[in-house]
């Protein structure tokens, strides 16, 4: 039971990390230190998608599921949990490239908006 709960916890952590890598820049509106944590996370998400590797959290979750007597899975986190929702036909390398691009584009857009917003605030204060 504890291994299953740990595996479920890793699953939730993995999902939270993916959401943070994709949208964490928006948190910089409230906390100025967030880019120090978010940019490495986004870079890791970009790297994993671009190279087609599995995230270490996938391996950890599988290990815990096997220890709990459940079966692990051989695909990536995205393929196993999110693929049927996002891409019903299956994850291809081209889709992984697209996901990597989405991470970059979304974050450039958010950071660009934040940068311009802060510059406008500095101009008003001057």
C-alpha atoms as a PDB file:
ATOM      1  CA  UNK A   1       0.000   0.000   0.000  1.00  0.00           C
ATOM      2  CA  UNK A   2       2.760   2.493   0.858  1.00  0.00           C
ATOM      3  CA  UNK A   3       4.597   1.821  -2.429  1.00  0.00           C
ATOM      4  CA  UNK A   4       1.370   2.425  -4.349  1.00  0.00           C
ATOM      5  CA  UNK A   5       0.778   5.687  -2.512  1.00  0.00           C
ATOM      6  CA  UNK A   6       4.376   6.715  -3.154  1.00  0.00           C
ATOM      7  CA  UNK A   7       3.955   5.906  -6.869  1.00  0.00           C
ATOM      8  CA  UNK A   8       0.763   7.970  -6.967  1.00  0.00           C
ATOM      9  CA  UNK A   9       2.629  10.790  -5.229  1.00  0.00           C
ATOM     10  CA  UNK A  10       5.377  10.642  -7.849  1.00  0.00           C
ATOM     11  CA  UNK A  11       2.679  10.696 -10.544  1.00  0.00           C
ATOM     12  CA  UNK A  12       1.218  13.900  -9.083  1.00  0.00           C
ATOM     13  CA  UNK A  13       4.690  15.413  -8.694  1.00  0.00           C
ATOM     14  CA  UNK A  14       5.437  14.554 -12.322  1.00  0.00           C
ATOM     15  CA  UNK A  15       2.251  16.212 -13.531  1.00  0.00           C
ATOM     16  CA  UNK A  16       2.956  19.281 -11.377  1.00  0.00           C
ATOM     17  CA  UNK A  17       6.483  19.489 -12.796  1.00  0.00           C
ATOM     18  CA  UNK A  18       5.177  19.342 -16.369  1.00  0.00           C
ATOM     19  CA  UNK A  19       2.657  22.099 -15.665  1.00  0.00           C
ATOM     20  CA  UNK A  20       5.340  24.175 -13.928  1.00  0.00           C
ATOM     21  CA  UNK A  21       7.760  23.709 -16.845  1.00  0.00           C
ATOM     22  CA  UNK A  22       5.060  24.810 -19.264  1.00  0.00           C
ATOM     23  CA  UNK A  23       3.378  27.622 -17.327  1.00  0.00           C
ATOM     24  CA  UNK A  24       5.666  28.464 -14.411  1.00  0.00           C
ATOM     25  CA  UNK A  25       6.720  31.749 -15.983  1.00  0.00           C
ATOM     26  CA  UNK A  26       3.270  33.101 -15.118  1.00  0.00           C
ATOM     27  CA  UNK A  27       4.175  32.739 -11.441  1.00  0.00           C
ATOM     28  CA  UNK A  28       6.917  35.344 -11.958  1.00  0.00           C
ATOM     29  CA  UNK A  29       4.162  37.980 -11.936  1.00  0.00           C
ATOM     30  CA  UNK A  30       3.846  37.364  -8.207  1.00  0.00           C
ATOM     31  CA  UNK A  31       7.315  36.089  -7.243  1.00  0.00           C
ATOM     32  CA  UNK A  32      10.373  37.635  -8.892  1.00  0.00           C
ATOM     33  CA  UNK A  33      12.607  34.682  -7.904  1.00  0.00           C
ATOM     34  CA  UNK A  34      10.552  32.111  -9.833  1.00  0.00           C
ATOM     35  CA  UNK A  35      12.643  32.381 -13.050  1.00  0.00           C
ATOM     36  CA  UNK A  36      15.636  31.083 -11.098  1.00  0.00           C
ATOM     37  CA  UNK A  37      13.748  27.837 -10.547  1.00  0.00           C
ATOM     38  CA  UNK A  38      11.509  27.826 -13.571  1.00  0.00           C
ATOM     39  CA  UNK A  39      14.043  28.347 -16.366  1.00  0.00           C
ATOM     40  CA  UNK A  40      16.063  25.216 -15.449  1.00  0.00           C
ATOM     41  CA  UNK A  41      12.797  23.241 -15.158  1.00  0.00           C
ATOM     42  CA  UNK A  42      11.622  24.462 -18.566  1.00  0.00           C
ATOM     43  CA  UNK A  43      15.044  23.687 -20.055  1.00  0.00           C
ATOM     44  CA  UNK A  44      14.856  20.154 -18.650  1.00  0.00           C
ATOM     45  CA  UNK A  45      11.352  19.657 -20.093  1.00  0.00           C
ATOM     46  CA  UNK A  46      12.567  20.946 -23.458  1.00  0.00           C
ATOM     47  CA  UNK A  47      15.611  18.630 -23.339  1.00  0.00           C
ATOM     48  CA  UNK A  48      13.565  15.537 -22.414  1.00  0.00           C
ATOM     49  CA  UNK A  49      11.050  16.143 -25.207  1.00  0.00           C
ATOM     50  CA  UNK A  50      13.655  17.061 -27.779  1.00  0.00           C
ATOM     51  CA  UNK A  51      15.845  14.015 -27.110  1.00  0.00           C
ATOM     52  CA  UNK A  52      12.980  11.535 -26.641  1.00  0.00           C
ATOM     53  CA  UNK A  53      14.234  10.448 -23.225  1.00  0.00           C
ATOM     54  CA  UNK A  54      12.139   9.384 -20.295  1.00  0.00           C
ATOM     55  CA  UNK A  55      12.183  11.637 -17.269  1.00  0.00           C
ATOM     56  CA  UNK A  56      13.746  10.047 -14.164  1.00  0.00           C
ATOM     57  CA  UNK A  57      10.377  10.456 -12.444  1.00  0.00           C
ATOM     58  CA  UNK A  58       8.945   7.923 -14.915  1.00  0.00           C
ATOM     59  CA  UNK A  59      11.528   5.369 -13.799  1.00  0.00           C
ATOM     60  CA  UNK A  60      10.881   6.142 -10.129  1.00  0.00           C
ATOM     61  CA  UNK A  61       7.132   5.758 -10.538  1.00  0.00           C
ATOM     62  CA  UNK A  62       7.577   2.443 -12.378  1.00  0.00           C
ATOM     63  CA  UNK A  63       9.941   1.158  -9.687  1.00  0.00           C
ATOM     64  CA  UNK A  64       7.433   2.018  -6.957  1.00  0.00           C
ATOM     65  CA  UNK A  65       4.519   0.486  -8.885  1.00  0.00           C
ATOM     66  CA  UNK A  66       6.455  -2.761  -9.377  1.00  0.00           C
ATOM     67  CA  UNK A  67       7.351  -2.807  -5.647  1.00  0.00           C
ATOM     68  CA  UNK A  68       3.624  -2.356  -4.942  1.00  0.00           C
ATOM     69  CA  UNK A  69       2.824  -5.423  -7.055  1.00  0.00           C
ATOM     70  CA  UNK A  70       1.449  -3.394  -9.941  1.00  0.00           C
ATOM     71  CA  UNK A  71       2.787  -3.338 -13.452  1.00  0.00           C
ATOM     72  CA  UNK A  72       4.956  -0.474 -14.574  1.00  0.00           C
ATOM     73  CA  UNK A  73       4.839   0.932 -18.044  1.00  0.00           C
ATOM     74  CA  UNK A  74       7.445   1.115 -20.764  1.00  0.00           C
ATOM     75  CA  UNK A  75       6.353   4.362 -22.369  1.00  0.00           C
ATOM     76  CA  UNK A  76       7.018   7.907 -21.169  1.00  0.00           C
ATOM     77  CA  UNK A  77       4.779   9.670 -18.659  1.00  0.00           C
ATOM     78  CA  UNK A  78       3.160  11.687 -21.432  1.00  0.00           C
ATOM     79  CA  UNK A  79       2.565   8.612 -23.582  1.00  0.00           C
ATOM     80  CA  UNK A  80       1.141   6.579 -20.684  1.00  0.00           C
ATOM     81  CA  UNK A  81      -1.105   9.147 -18.979  1.00  0.00           C
ATOM     82  CA  UNK A  82      -1.707  12.038 -21.335  1.00  0.00           C
ATOM     83  CA  UNK A  83      -1.279  10.698 -24.851  1.00  0.00           C
ATOM     84  CA  UNK A  84      -4.798   9.316 -25.223  1.00  0.00           C
ATOM     85  CA  UNK A  85      -6.179  12.669 -24.123  1.00  0.00           C
ATOM     86  CA  UNK A  86      -3.907  14.883 -26.214  1.00  0.00           C
ATOM     87  CA  UNK A  87      -2.817  12.648 -29.110  1.00  0.00           C
ATOM     88  CA  UNK A  88      -5.108   9.640 -29.531  1.00  0.00           C
ATOM     89  CA  UNK A  89      -3.096   8.193 -32.423  1.00  0.00           C
ATOM     90  CA  UNK A  90       0.238   7.900 -30.536  1.00  0.00           C
ATOM     91  CA  UNK A  91       3.214  10.032 -29.712  1.00  0.00           C
ATOM     92  CA  UNK A  92       5.719  10.425 -32.523  1.00  0.00           C
ATOM     93  CA  UNK A  93       9.106  12.134 -32.585  1.00  0.00           C
ATOM     94  CA  UNK A  94       7.516  14.982 -34.519  1.00  0.00           C
ATOM     95  CA  UNK A  95       4.963  15.438 -31.746  1.00  0.00           C
ATOM     96  CA  UNK A  96       7.744  15.454 -29.175  1.00  0.00           C
ATOM     97  CA  UNK A  97       9.487  18.182 -31.162  1.00  0.00           C
ATOM     98  CA  UNK A  98       6.215  20.088 -31.196  1.00  0.00           C
ATOM     99  CA  UNK A  99       5.827  19.686 -27.424  1.00  0.00           C
ATOM    100  CA  UNK A 100       9.380  20.951 -26.930  1.00  0.00           C
ATOM    101  CA  UNK A 101       8.518  23.918 -29.130  1.00  0.00           C
ATOM    102  CA  UNK A 102       5.344  24.604 -27.151  1.00  0.00           C
ATOM    103  CA  UNK A 103       7.376  24.764 -23.923  1.00  0.00           C
ATOM    104  CA  UNK A 104       9.731  27.301 -25.498  1.00  0.00           C
ATOM    105  CA  UNK A 105       7.083  29.425 -27.232  1.00  0.00           C
ATOM    106  CA  UNK A 106       4.742  29.614 -24.228  1.00  0.00           C
ATOM    107  CA  UNK A 107       7.575  30.594 -21.917  1.00  0.00           C
ATOM    108  CA  UNK A 108       9.075  33.155 -24.311  1.00  0.00           C
ATOM    109  CA  UNK A 109       5.635  34.724 -24.634  1.00  0.00           C
ATOM    110  CA  UNK A 110       5.089  34.894 -20.878  1.00  0.00           C
ATOM    111  CA  UNK A 111       8.592  36.165 -20.101  1.00  0.00           C
ATOM    112  CA  UNK A 112       8.352  38.675 -22.961  1.00  0.00           C
ATOM    113  CA  UNK A 113       5.084  39.987 -21.547  1.00  0.00           C
ATOM    114  CA  UNK A 114       6.602  40.194 -18.051  1.00  0.00           C
ATOM    115  CA  UNK A 115       9.693  41.969 -19.337  1.00  0.00           C
ATOM    116  CA  UNK A 116       7.667  44.560 -21.249  1.00  0.00           C
ATOM    117  CA  UNK A 117       5.367  45.035 -18.264  1.00  0.00           C
ATOM    118  CA  UNK A 118       8.293  45.647 -15.931  1.00  0.00           C
ATOM    119  CA  UNK A 119       9.952  48.028 -18.406  1.00  0.00           C
ATOM    120  CA  UNK A 120       6.742  50.033 -18.644  1.00  0.00           C
ATOM    121  CA  UNK A 121       6.609  50.153 -14.832  1.00  0.00           C
ATOM    122  CA  UNK A 122      10.192  51.441 -14.698  1.00  0.00           C
ATOM    123  CA  UNK A 123       9.400  54.137 -17.310  1.00  0.00           C
ATOM    124  CA  UNK A 124       6.372  55.301 -15.304  1.00  0.00           C
ATOM    125  CA  UNK A 125       8.444  55.516 -12.124  1.00  0.00           C
ATOM    126  CA  UNK A 126      11.159  57.604 -13.835  1.00  0.00           C
END
